[in-house]
Amino acid sequence: MTPAARELAYACRVRQATRGVLVLEARAGAVTAAPVAARLAPRFLCDPRRPADGGLRPGSEAGAALAELTQVAGWLLFDAEQQRAAHRFSTLALTLARASGDRASERLVLATLAMQAAHLGRPGAALRLSGTALTAPRLTPRVAAVFRLRQAQAHALGGRRAAALRAVRHAHSLVLDGPADRDPAWVWWVDEVETAGHLGLTYAALGAWHRAVDQLTAVTGAGGFRALFDAELLAAQLRCGAWRDAAALAADLAARADRLQSARATRVLHRALRPLLTAPPTGPTPPAAVREAAHWLDAHLRVPHDGTTGRSS
């Protein structure tokens, strides 16, 4: 077998492993899939069948396959709230993607790192990463929209209302342009539901709770990786005293708590419920039905913790 054929066979094995991890995530969520990805990536990185140059050259199939696997590991660890490990894998994925010339993976990693920076309360880093990505030539509208959403998160964290709303609305207008032939495969989730949900997240980050409720109500029940929208909706309902709706949503979330799939969503819910679980409660006293629903939901939540907590969605 020629060196090129050996490299291609190695890359195929890596990509097959990546597909398996993504299937597992779809079925069981990031908390379950993240440790699997975190074990697989080092195994392939240390595989003696890896090309002698490690795939660190332009056009390398091995390098691109490894970049994809480590990017997936970084994303899953992020969503599982294993933030230190997530950053390590994402940084490695960025190195591999750039060395192999895999621009699609490079931009996806930058999007993950920008989201993580905002999540950890570092809006300046999120803006720098987003700005770097947006200077790249020939970005498709949907790829550009992702980084406008990251800018919106960062501006909202900094309290810059006008800039945050301008960025998220810019993202929405880009999505309305529709898909492009040059879109990378990973932008399949960048649609009008996503930008509508992010507008709600932006309002929530700005403390505009009533507007957040109105916007997030329009996308509630999306489920899967968008469970974060439901979690932030419940938090906003509790903040603005929409007690009846909050009780109903809390009961619904309790019934499907084992399918939330996102530890970030779980942590948002835990943080939102905490004031209702104290005796006496802090803030306005909610009706008994709301407190009962909160206790019921809290009993079904598991909150992973690695010592690095997020501050935003």
Protein backbone atom coordinates (compact mmCIF):
# COMPACT_ATOMS: atom_id res chain seq x y z
CA MET A 1 0.00 0.00 0.00
CA THR A 2 1.36 3.40 -0.94
CA PRO A 3 1.79 6.15 1.68
CA ALA A 4 -1.11 8.07 0.10
CA ALA A 5 -3.37 5.01 0.30
CA ARG A 6 -2.37 4.40 3.93
CA GLU A 7 -3.16 8.01 4.78
CA LEU A 8 -6.54 7.79 3.10
CA ALA A 9 -7.38 4.58 4.98
CA TYR A 10 -6.37 6.22 8.26
CA ALA A 11 -8.50 9.29 7.49
CA CYS A 12 -11.48 7.06 6.69
CA ARG A 13 -11.17 5.36 10.09
CA VAL A 14 -11.04 8.73 11.83
CA ARG A 15 -14.10 10.02 9.97
CA GLN A 16 -16.01 6.82 10.74
CA ALA A 17 -15.26 7.32 14.44
CA THR A 18 -16.45 10.92 14.19
CA ARG A 19 -19.73 9.83 12.62
CA GLY A 20 -20.22 7.32 15.44
CA VAL A 21 -19.75 10.04 18.05
CA LEU A 22 -22.28 12.30 16.33
CA VAL A 23 -24.82 9.47 16.17
CA LEU A 24 -24.30 8.91 19.90
CA GLU A 25 -24.78 12.62 20.60
CA ALA A 26 -28.04 12.67 18.65
CA ARG A 27 -29.31 9.71 20.65
CA ALA A 28 -27.96 10.41 24.14
CA GLY A 29 -26.68 14.00 24.23
CA ALA A 30 -23.37 15.74 24.79
CA VAL A 31 -22.86 14.57 28.38
CA THR A 32 -22.77 10.96 27.17
CA ALA A 33 -20.95 11.56 23.89
CA ALA A 34 -18.27 13.97 25.12
CA PRO A 35 -16.15 11.46 27.07
CA VAL A 36 -16.28 9.04 24.14
CA ALA A 37 -14.95 11.71 21.77
CA ALA A 38 -12.34 12.76 24.33
CA ARG A 39 -11.00 9.18 24.42
CA LEU A 40 -11.09 8.63 20.67
CA ALA A 41 -9.21 11.77 19.64
CA PRO A 42 -5.98 11.00 21.58
CA ARG A 43 -6.17 7.39 20.41
CA PHE A 44 -6.08 8.44 16.77
CA LEU A 45 -3.52 11.16 17.41
CA CYS A 46 -1.17 8.51 18.85
CA ASP A 47 -2.06 5.81 16.31
CA PRO A 48 1.14 4.42 14.74
CA ARG A 49 -0.70 4.38 11.41
CA ARG A 50 -0.96 8.17 11.45
CA PRO A 51 1.18 9.67 8.66
CA ALA A 52 4.76 10.44 9.57
CA ASP A 53 4.17 14.19 9.21
CA GLY A 54 1.12 13.94 11.44
CA GLY A 55 -1.08 15.29 8.68
CA LEU A 56 0.27 18.77 9.35
CA ARG A 57 0.51 19.87 5.74
CA PRO A 58 -1.86 21.59 3.30
CA GLY A 59 -4.31 19.24 1.69
CA SER A 60 -3.72 16.40 4.15
CA GLU A 61 -6.72 14.08 4.45
CA ALA A 62 -5.40 12.83 7.78
CA GLY A 63 -5.03 16.35 9.16
CA ALA A 64 -8.53 17.36 8.05
CA ALA A 65 -10.06 14.20 9.54
CA LEU A 66 -8.27 14.75 12.84
CA ALA A 67 -9.32 18.40 12.85
CA GLU A 68 -12.94 17.34 12.48
CA LEU A 69 -12.77 14.74 15.26
CA THR A 70 -11.01 17.06 17.72
CA GLN A 71 -13.44 19.86 16.82
CA VAL A 72 -16.38 17.59 17.61
CA ALA A 73 -14.73 16.61 20.89
CA GLY A 74 -14.21 20.27 21.76
CA TRP A 75 -17.82 21.16 21.00
CA LEU A 76 -19.26 18.23 22.94
CA LEU A 77 -17.08 18.94 25.96
CA PHE A 78 -18.20 22.56 25.80
CA ASP A 79 -21.87 21.60 25.74
CA ALA A 80 -21.20 19.11 28.53
CA GLU A 81 -19.74 21.97 30.64
CA GLN A 82 -16.25 20.44 30.68
CA GLN A 83 -14.78 23.78 29.79
CA ARG A 84 -11.06 23.29 30.38
CA ALA A 85 -10.94 20.11 28.31
CA ALA A 86 -13.16 21.74 25.68
CA HIS A 87 -10.68 24.56 25.22
CA ARG A 88 -7.75 22.15 24.90
CA PHE A 89 -9.44 20.12 22.19
CA SER A 90 -10.70 23.17 20.32
CA THR A 91 -7.25 24.75 20.33
CA LEU A 92 -5.75 21.52 18.99
CA ALA A 93 -8.49 21.33 16.34
CA LEU A 94 -7.66 24.87 15.23
CA THR A 95 -3.99 23.96 14.82
CA LEU A 96 -4.83 20.85 12.82
CA ALA A 97 -7.38 22.64 10.63
CA ARG A 98 -5.01 25.48 9.79
CA ALA A 99 -2.07 23.15 9.11
CA SER A 100 -4.10 20.95 6.77
CA GLY A 101 -5.85 23.88 5.07
CA ASP A 102 -9.30 22.77 6.24
CA ARG A 103 -11.02 26.16 6.20
CA ALA A 104 -14.47 24.75 7.03
CA SER A 105 -13.25 23.17 10.27
CA GLU A 106 -11.15 26.22 11.10
CA ARG A 107 -14.20 28.50 10.97
CA LEU A 108 -16.31 26.09 12.98
CA VAL A 109 -13.64 25.89 15.68
CA LEU A 110 -13.41 29.68 15.80
CA ALA A 111 -17.20 29.80 16.24
CA THR A 112 -17.00 27.34 19.12
CA LEU A 113 -14.15 29.22 20.79
CA ALA A 114 -16.03 32.52 20.45
CA MET A 115 -19.16 30.99 21.96
CA GLN A 116 -17.12 29.52 24.80
CA ALA A 117 -15.44 32.86 25.50
CA ALA A 118 -18.84 34.55 25.82
CA HIS A 119 -20.19 31.66 27.89
CA LEU A 120 -17.31 32.10 30.33
CA GLY A 121 -17.88 35.84 30.59
CA ARG A 122 -15.06 36.98 28.30
CA PRO A 123 -16.77 39.22 25.75
CA GLY A 124 -13.55 40.82 24.59
CA ALA A 125 -12.12 37.47 23.54
CA ALA A 126 -15.40 36.54 21.84
CA LEU A 127 -15.33 39.77 19.82
CA ARG A 128 -11.69 39.27 18.81
CA LEU A 129 -12.32 35.71 17.62
CA SER A 130 -15.45 36.73 15.73
CA GLY A 131 -13.72 39.70 14.16
CA THR A 132 -10.85 37.49 13.01
CA ALA A 133 -13.29 35.09 11.34
CA LEU A 134 -15.27 37.86 9.66
CA THR A 135 -12.16 39.25 7.95
CA ALA A 136 -11.75 36.04 5.97
CA PRO A 137 -12.52 36.41 2.26
CA ARG A 138 -15.54 34.87 0.56
CA LEU A 139 -17.51 33.87 3.66
CA THR A 140 -20.94 32.55 2.77
CA PRO A 141 -23.86 34.45 4.33
CA ARG A 142 -24.68 31.66 6.79
CA VAL A 143 -21.11 31.32 7.99
CA ALA A 144 -20.95 35.10 8.47
CA ALA A 145 -24.27 34.93 10.34
CA VAL A 146 -22.75 32.58 12.93
CA PHE A 147 -20.06 35.11 13.79
CA ARG A 148 -22.59 37.96 13.89
CA LEU A 149 -24.46 35.91 16.50
CA ARG A 150 -21.24 35.53 18.47
CA GLN A 151 -20.75 39.29 18.29
CA ALA A 152 -24.29 39.79 19.56
CA GLN A 153 -23.58 37.58 22.57
CA ALA A 154 -20.41 39.48 23.37
CA HIS A 155 -21.97 42.93 22.99
CA ALA A 156 -24.93 41.90 25.18
CA LEU A 157 -22.57 40.72 27.90
CA GLY A 158 -20.89 44.11 27.77
CA GLY A 159 -24.26 45.87 28.06
CA ARG A 160 -24.01 47.36 24.56
CA ARG A 161 -27.68 47.03 23.65
CA ALA A 162 -27.66 48.76 20.27
CA ALA A 163 -24.59 46.88 19.04
CA ALA A 164 -25.95 43.54 20.27
CA LEU A 165 -29.33 43.96 18.58
CA ARG A 166 -27.73 45.26 15.42
CA ALA A 167 -25.46 42.18 15.23
CA VAL A 168 -28.23 39.63 15.79
CA ARG A 169 -30.51 41.33 13.28
CA HIS A 170 -27.66 41.40 10.79
CA ALA A 171 -27.30 37.64 11.31
CA HIS A 172 -31.02 37.16 10.68
CA SER A 173 -30.86 39.13 7.43
CA LEU A 174 -27.91 37.03 6.27
CA VAL A 175 -29.83 33.81 6.93
CA LEU A 176 -32.72 35.12 4.87
CA ASP A 177 -30.36 35.14 1.88
CA GLY A 178 -30.74 31.36 1.88
CA PRO A 179 -28.12 28.63 1.50
CA ALA A 180 -25.14 28.98 -0.81
CA ASP A 181 -23.38 26.38 -2.93
CA ARG A 182 -20.16 27.07 -1.01
CA ASP A 183 -21.71 26.53 2.43
CA PRO A 184 -19.77 24.04 4.55
CA ALA A 185 -21.78 21.05 5.73
CA TRP A 186 -21.79 22.25 9.33
CA VAL A 187 -24.09 25.23 8.69
CA TRP A 188 -27.15 22.99 8.36
CA TRP A 189 -28.45 24.31 11.70
CA VAL A 190 -28.07 28.01 10.80
CA ASP A 191 -31.64 28.95 9.99
CA GLU A 192 -34.39 31.39 10.96
CA VAL A 193 -35.26 29.44 14.12
CA GLU A 194 -31.66 29.74 15.28
CA THR A 195 -31.44 33.49 14.72
CA ALA A 196 -34.88 34.03 16.27
CA GLY A 197 -33.79 32.11 19.34
CA HIS A 198 -30.57 34.09 19.56
CA LEU A 199 -32.52 37.33 19.49
CA GLY A 200 -34.32 36.03 22.58
CA LEU A 201 -31.00 35.10 24.19
CA THR A 202 -29.71 38.57 23.42
CA TYR A 203 -32.70 40.21 25.10
CA ALA A 204 -32.20 37.95 28.12
CA ALA A 205 -28.51 38.83 28.37
CA LEU A 206 -29.49 42.51 28.27
CA GLY A 207 -32.04 41.99 31.07
CA ALA A 208 -35.00 42.77 28.80
CA TRP A 209 -37.00 39.91 30.29
CA HIS A 210 -40.42 40.60 28.76
CA ARG A 211 -38.94 40.90 25.28
CA ALA A 212 -36.93 37.74 25.88
CA VAL A 213 -40.08 35.86 26.86
CA ASP A 214 -41.95 37.03 23.76
CA GLN A 215 -39.10 36.07 21.45
CA LEU A 216 -38.20 32.73 23.04
CA THR A 217 -41.83 31.65 23.27
CA ALA A 218 -41.87 31.66 19.47
CA VAL A 219 -39.13 28.99 19.36
CA THR A 220 -39.94 26.97 22.49
CA GLY A 221 -40.16 23.21 22.22
CA ALA A 222 -37.46 22.98 19.55
CA GLY A 223 -35.73 20.33 21.67
CA GLY A 224 -32.40 18.64 21.00
CA PHE A 225 -29.46 21.00 20.76
CA ARG A 226 -31.89 23.94 21.03
CA ALA A 227 -32.97 22.97 24.55
CA LEU A 228 -31.03 26.04 25.65
CA PHE A 229 -33.83 28.21 24.26
CA ASP A 230 -36.37 26.52 26.57
CA ALA A 231 -34.05 26.86 29.56
CA GLU A 232 -33.52 30.57 28.95
CA LEU A 233 -37.25 31.02 28.40
CA LEU A 234 -38.03 29.57 31.81
CA ALA A 235 -35.37 31.78 33.39
CA ALA A 236 -36.88 34.86 31.73
CA GLN A 237 -40.43 33.89 32.74
CA LEU A 238 -39.34 33.60 36.35
CA ARG A 239 -37.53 36.93 36.23
CA CYS A 240 -40.58 38.81 34.91
CA GLY A 241 -43.17 36.97 37.03
CA ALA A 242 -44.95 35.06 34.27
CA TRP A 243 -45.91 32.49 36.87
CA ARG A 244 -48.52 30.44 35.02
CA ASP A 245 -46.38 29.98 31.93
CA ALA A 246 -43.33 29.26 34.08
CA ALA A 247 -45.12 26.53 36.01
CA ALA A 248 -46.30 24.90 32.80
CA LEU A 249 -42.86 25.03 31.19
CA ALA A 250 -41.13 23.74 34.33
CA ALA A 251 -43.49 20.75 34.42
CA ASP A 252 -42.85 20.08 30.72
CA LEU A 253 -39.09 20.28 31.16
CA ALA A 254 -39.22 17.93 34.16
CA ALA A 255 -41.02 15.36 32.04
CA ARG A 256 -38.22 15.41 29.45
CA ALA A 257 -35.26 16.31 31.67
CA ASP A 258 -33.40 13.14 30.68
CA ARG A 259 -33.59 14.21 27.02
CA LEU A 260 -32.37 17.79 27.37
CA GLN A 261 -29.00 16.73 25.89
CA SER A 262 -27.20 19.93 26.92
CA ALA A 263 -25.44 20.45 30.23
CA ARG A 264 -25.40 24.16 29.48
CA ALA A 265 -29.20 24.15 29.39
CA THR A 266 -29.26 22.16 32.62
CA ARG A 267 -27.02 24.68 34.33
CA VAL A 268 -29.19 27.60 33.16
CA LEU A 269 -32.22 25.85 34.66
CA HIS A 270 -30.45 25.10 37.91
CA ARG A 271 -29.36 28.72 38.25
CA ALA A 272 -32.87 29.98 37.45
CA LEU A 273 -34.52 27.67 39.96
CA ARG A 274 -32.16 28.32 42.84
CA PRO A 275 -33.99 31.39 44.23
CA LEU A 276 -37.26 29.43 44.32
CA LEU A 277 -35.74 26.55 46.26
CA THR A 278 -34.62 28.61 49.25
CA ALA A 279 -36.77 29.20 52.33
CA PRO A 280 -37.82 31.97 52.42
CA PRO A 281 -37.41 32.55 48.67
CA THR A 282 -35.34 35.48 47.51
CA GLY A 283 -37.14 38.10 45.44
CA PRO A 284 -40.90 38.16 44.77
CA THR A 285 -42.80 35.26 46.32
CA PRO A 286 -44.08 32.99 43.53
CA PRO A 287 -47.33 31.05 43.77
CA ALA A 288 -47.18 27.62 45.37
CA ALA A 289 -47.73 25.92 42.01
CA VAL A 290 -44.58 27.53 40.62
CA ARG A 291 -42.47 26.47 43.61
CA GLU A 292 -43.81 22.93 43.36
CA ALA A 293 -42.97 22.79 39.67
CA ALA A 294 -39.50 24.19 40.41
CA HIS A 295 -38.82 21.53 43.04
CA TRP A 296 -40.06 18.82 40.69
CA LEU A 297 -37.82 20.03 37.87
CA ASP A 298 -34.82 20.45 40.16
CA ALA A 299 -35.19 16.86 41.32
CA HIS A 300 -34.75 15.69 37.73
CA LEU A 301 -31.71 17.79 36.85
CA ARG A 302 -28.11 16.71 36.95
CA VAL A 303 -25.60 19.54 36.81
CA PRO A 304 -22.12 18.53 35.62
CA HIS A 305 -19.33 20.60 37.13
CA ASP A 306 -15.66 20.87 36.23
CA GLY A 307 -14.78 23.96 38.23
CA THR A 308 -15.26 26.35 35.31
CA THR A 309 -18.82 27.64 35.20
CA GLY A 310 -20.37 29.63 32.41
CA ARG A 311 -22.05 32.99 32.84
CA SER A 312 -24.13 33.25 29.72
CA SER A 313 -25.68 31.20 26.97
